[in-house]
PDB file of N, CA and C in Angstrom:
ATOM      1  N   MET A   1      -4.638 -16.811 -34.102  1.00  0.00           N
ATOM      2  CA  MET A   1      -5.022 -16.528 -32.728  1.00  0.00           C
ATOM      3  C   MET A   1      -4.633 -15.093 -32.375  1.00  0.00           C
ATOM      4  N   ARG A   2      -5.582 -14.370 -31.822  1.00  0.00           N
ATOM      5  CA  ARG A   2      -5.319 -12.980 -31.456  1.00  0.00           C
ATOM      6  C   ARG A   2      -4.870 -12.926 -30.005  1.00  0.00           C
ATOM      7  N   LYS A   3      -3.724 -12.344 -29.797  1.00  0.00           N
ATOM      8  CA  LYS A   3      -3.152 -12.275 -28.450  1.00  0.00           C
ATOM      9  C   LYS A   3      -3.510 -10.994 -27.721  1.00  0.00           C
ATOM     10  N   SER A   4      -3.893  -9.955 -28.432  1.00  0.00           N
ATOM     11  CA  SER A   4      -4.106  -8.663 -27.790  1.00  0.00           C
ATOM     12  C   SER A   4      -5.223  -8.674 -26.734  1.00  0.00           C
ATOM     13  N   PRO A   5      -6.381  -9.329 -26.944  1.00  0.00           N
ATOM     14  CA  PRO A   5      -7.380  -9.352 -25.868  1.00  0.00           C
ATOM     15  C   PRO A   5      -6.871 -10.100 -24.622  1.00  0.00           C
ATOM     16  N   PHE A   6      -6.140 -11.168 -24.834  1.00  0.00           N
ATOM     17  CA  PHE A   6      -5.589 -11.924 -23.715  1.00  0.00           C
ATOM     18  C   PHE A   6      -4.571 -11.085 -22.950  1.00  0.00           C
ATOM     19  N   ILE A   7      -3.719 -10.391 -23.665  1.00  0.00           N
ATOM     20  CA  ILE A   7      -2.699  -9.551 -23.024  1.00  0.00           C
ATOM     21  C   ILE A   7      -3.374  -8.406 -22.264  1.00  0.00           C
ATOM     22  N   ALA A   8      -4.409  -7.807 -22.850  1.00  0.00           N
ATOM     23  CA  ALA A   8      -5.133  -6.718 -22.182  1.00  0.00           C
ATOM     24  C   ALA A   8      -5.796  -7.211 -20.903  1.00  0.00           C
ATOM     25  N   LEU A   9      -6.394  -8.377 -20.951  1.00  0.00           N
ATOM     26  CA  LEU A   9      -7.031  -8.956 -19.770  1.00  0.00           C
ATOM     27  C   LEU A   9      -5.992  -9.267 -18.694  1.00  0.00           C
ATOM     28  N   LEU A  10      -4.878  -9.817 -19.097  1.00  0.00           N
ATOM     29  CA  LEU A  10      -3.805 -10.123 -18.160  1.00  0.00           C
ATOM     30  C   LEU A  10      -3.270  -8.846 -17.510  1.00  0.00           C
ATOM     31  N   PHE A  11      -3.055  -7.820 -18.319  1.00  0.00           N
ATOM     32  CA  PHE A  11      -2.572  -6.533 -17.803  1.00  0.00           C
ATOM     33  C   PHE A  11      -3.572  -5.936 -16.819  1.00  0.00           C
ATOM     34  N   ALA A  12      -4.868  -5.977 -17.153  1.00  0.00           N
ATOM     35  CA  ALA A  12      -5.900  -5.434 -16.269  1.00  0.00           C
ATOM     36  C   ALA A  12      -5.933  -6.191 -14.943  1.00  0.00           C
ATOM     37  N   THR A  13      -5.771  -7.489 -14.993  1.00  0.00           N
ATOM     38  CA  THR A  13      -5.776  -8.296 -13.777  1.00  0.00           C
ATOM     39  C   THR A  13      -4.615  -7.915 -12.868  1.00  0.00           C
ATOM     40  N   PHE A  14      -3.427  -7.789 -13.431  1.00  0.00           N
ATOM     41  CA  PHE A  14      -2.261  -7.409 -12.625  1.00  0.00           C
ATOM     42  C   PHE A  14      -2.398  -5.997 -12.081  1.00  0.00           C
ATOM     43  N   THR A  15      -2.954  -5.093 -12.879  1.00  0.00           N
ATOM     44  CA  THR A  15      -3.123  -3.704 -12.448  1.00  0.00           C
ATOM     45  C   THR A  15      -4.081  -3.621 -11.270  1.00  0.00           C
ATOM     46  N   LEU A  16      -5.195  -4.323 -11.360  1.00  0.00           N
ATOM     47  CA  LEU A  16      -6.175  -4.281 -10.272  1.00  0.00           C
ATOM     48  C   LEU A  16      -5.637  -4.929  -9.007  1.00  0.00           C
ATOM     49  N   SER A  17      -4.912  -6.003  -9.136  1.00  0.00           N
ATOM     50  CA  SER A  17      -4.368  -6.657  -7.946  1.00  0.00           C
ATOM     51  C   SER A  17      -3.260  -5.815  -7.328  1.00  0.00           C
ATOM     52  N   ALA A  18      -2.498  -5.092  -8.146  1.00  0.00           N
ATOM     53  CA  ALA A  18      -1.439  -4.222  -7.624  1.00  0.00           C
ATOM     54  C   ALA A  18      -2.044  -3.060  -6.850  1.00  0.00           C
ATOM     55  N   CYS A  19      -3.165  -2.537  -7.298  1.00  0.00           N
ATOM     56  CA  CYS A  19      -3.809  -1.430  -6.587  1.00  0.00           C
ATOM     57  C   CYS A  19      -4.206  -1.856  -5.179  1.00  0.00           C
ATOM     58  N   GLU A  20      -4.745  -3.038  -5.059  1.00  0.00           N
ATOM     59  CA  GLU A  20      -5.145  -3.525  -3.746  1.00  0.00           C
ATOM     60  C   GLU A  20      -3.927  -3.716  -2.851  1.00  0.00           C
ATOM     61  N   THR A  21      -2.846  -4.225  -3.409  1.00  0.00           N
ATOM     62  CA  THR A  21      -1.632  -4.446  -2.641  1.00  0.00           C
ATOM     63  C   THR A  21      -1.025  -3.119  -2.200  1.00  0.00           C
ATOM     64  N   VAL A  22      -0.983  -2.156  -3.091  1.00  0.00           N
ATOM     65  CA  VAL A  22      -0.415  -0.849  -2.766  1.00  0.00           C
ATOM     66  C   VAL A  22      -1.265  -0.158  -1.717  1.00  0.00           C
ATOM     67  N   GLN A  23      -2.572  -0.287  -1.814  1.00  0.00           N
ATOM     68  CA  GLN A  23      -3.447   0.325  -0.817  1.00  0.00           C
ATOM     69  C   GLN A  23      -3.199  -0.285   0.555  1.00  0.00           C
ATOM     70  N   GLY A  24      -3.061  -1.585   0.624  1.00  0.00           N
ATOM     71  CA  GLY A  24      -2.781  -2.247   1.892  1.00  0.00           C
ATOM     72  C   GLY A  24      -1.433  -1.840   2.453  1.00  0.00           C
ATOM     73  N   ALA A  25      -0.448  -1.729   1.583  1.00  0.00           N
ATOM     74  CA  ALA A  25       0.881  -1.298   2.031  1.00  0.00           C
ATOM     75  C   ALA A  25       0.825   0.140   2.523  1.00  0.00           C
ATOM     76  N   GLY A  26       0.074   0.980   1.862  1.00  0.00           N
ATOM     77  CA  GLY A  26      -0.074   2.369   2.288  1.00  0.00           C
ATOM     78  C   GLY A  26      -0.703   2.473   3.666  1.00  0.00           C
ATOM     79  N   GLN A  27      -1.680   1.640   3.925  1.00  0.00           N
ATOM     80  CA  GLN A  27      -2.311   1.638   5.244  1.00  0.00           C
ATOM     81  C   GLN A  27      -1.337   1.156   6.309  1.00  0.00           C
ATOM     82  N   ASP A  28      -0.542   0.146   6.000  1.00  0.00           N
ATOM     83  CA  ASP A  28       0.446  -0.347   6.956  1.00  0.00           C
ATOM     84  C   ASP A  28       1.489   0.720   7.268  1.00  0.00           C
ATOM     85  N   ILE A  29       1.946   1.413   6.238  1.00  0.00           N
ATOM     86  CA  ILE A  29       2.943   2.470   6.439  1.00  0.00           C
ATOM     87  C   ILE A  29       2.340   3.609   7.254  1.00  0.00           C
ATOM     88  N   SER A  30       1.099   3.945   6.986  1.00  0.00           N
ATOM     89  CA  SER A  30       0.424   4.994   7.739  1.00  0.00           C
ATOM     90  C   SER A  30       0.290   4.617   9.206  1.00  0.00           C
ATOM     91  N   ASN A  31      -0.077   3.376   9.468  1.00  0.00           N
ATOM     92  CA  ASN A  31      -0.195   2.910  10.856  1.00  0.00           C
ATOM     93  C   ASN A  31       1.154   2.939  11.559  1.00  0.00           C
ATOM     94  N   ALA A  32       2.193   2.564  10.861  1.00  0.00           N
ATOM     95  CA  ALA A  32       3.540   2.598  11.449  1.00  0.00           C
ATOM     96  C   ALA A  32       3.938   4.040  11.749  1.00  0.00           C
ATOM     97  N   GLY A  33       3.642   4.955  10.856  1.00  0.00           N
ATOM     98  CA  GLY A  33       3.937   6.367  11.071  1.00  0.00           C
ATOM     99  C   GLY A  33       3.192   6.921  12.270  1.00  0.00           C
ATOM    100  N   ASP A  34       1.938   6.522  12.423  1.00  0.00           N
ATOM    101  CA  ASP A  34       1.160   6.963  13.588  1.00  0.00           C
ATOM    102  C   ASP A  34       1.774   6.451  14.881  1.00  0.00           C
ATOM    103  N   ALA A  35       2.209   5.202  14.883  1.00  0.00           N
ATOM    104  CA  ALA A  35       2.825   4.624  16.082  1.00  0.00           C
ATOM    105  C   ALA A  35       4.127   5.341  16.424  1.00  0.00           C
ATOM    106  N   ILE A  36       4.915   5.661  15.425  1.00  0.00           N
ATOM    107  CA  ILE A  36       6.174   6.380  15.659  1.00  0.00           C
ATOM    108  C   ILE A  36       5.885   7.778  16.201  1.00  0.00           C
ATOM    109  N   ALA A  37       4.885   8.447  15.648  1.00  0.00           N
ATOM    110  CA  ALA A  37       4.530   9.793  16.115  1.00  0.00           C
ATOM    111  C   ALA A  37       4.078   9.758  17.573  1.00  0.00           C
ATOM    112  N   GLU A  38       3.290   8.762  17.944  1.00  0.00           N
ATOM    113  CA  GLU A  38       2.834   8.640  19.332  1.00  0.00           C
ATOM    114  C   GLU A  38       4.003   8.389  20.273  1.00  0.00           C
ATOM    115  N   GLU A  39       4.909   7.511  19.877  1.00  0.00           N
ATOM    116  CA  GLU A  39       6.070   7.213  20.723  1.00  0.00           C
ATOM    117  C   GLU A  39       6.969   8.437  20.869  1.00  0.00           C
ATOM    118  N   SER A  40       7.169   9.181  19.796  1.00  0.00           N
ATOM    119  CA  SER A  40       8.021  10.365  19.889  1.00  0.00           C
ATOM    120  C   SER A  40       7.368  11.421  20.776  1.00  0.00           C
ATOM    121  N   GLN A  41       6.053  11.523  20.733  1.00  0.00           N
ATOM    122  CA  GLN A  41       5.358  12.455  21.611  1.00  0.00           C
ATOM    123  C   GLN A  41       5.499  12.033  23.064  1.00  0.00           C
ATOM    124  N   ASP A  42       5.440  10.742  23.346  1.00  0.00           N
ATOM    125  CA  ASP A  42       5.640  10.250  24.706  1.00  0.00           C
ATOM    126  C   ASP A  42       7.047  10.572  25.202  1.00  0.00           C
ATOM    127  N   VAL A  43       8.033  10.407  24.349  1.00  0.00           N
ATOM    128  CA  VAL A  43       9.425  10.704  24.730  1.00  0.00           C
ATOM    129  C   VAL A  43       9.581  12.186  25.014  1.00  0.00           C
ATOM    130  N   GLN A  44       9.008  13.017  24.176  1.00  0.00           N
ATOM    131  CA  GLN A  44       9.102  14.472  24.392  1.00  0.00           C
ATOM    132  C   GLN A  44       8.403  14.876  25.685  1.00  0.00           C
ATOM    133  N   ASN A  45       7.294  14.261  26.001  1.00  0.00           N
ATOM    134  CA  ASN A  45       6.577  14.583  27.235  1.00  0.00           C
ATOM    135  C   ASN A  45       7.369  14.151  28.469  1.00  0.00           C
ATOM    136  N   ASP A  46       8.159  13.089  28.355  1.00  0.00           N
ATOM    137  CA  ASP A  46       8.944  12.589  29.490  1.00  0.00           C
ATOM    138  C   ASP A  46      10.205  13.421  29.737  1.00  0.00           C
ATOM    139  N   MET A  47      10.600  14.258  28.801  1.00  0.00           N
ATOM    140  CA  MET A  47      11.831  15.046  28.947  1.00  0.00           C
ATOM    141  C   MET A  47      11.623  16.209  29.876  1.00  0.00           C
TER     142      MET A  47
END
């Protein structure tokens, strides 16, 4: 039984799913950064 095609397929599956997860996390972090920037601008304007 050859394991290398199975291992390659498994690796590709994990790699593709990780890309989607990282992209989603990047968007969440970006949104959080935008919210922090807006709040800090509001605080500076109130000073």
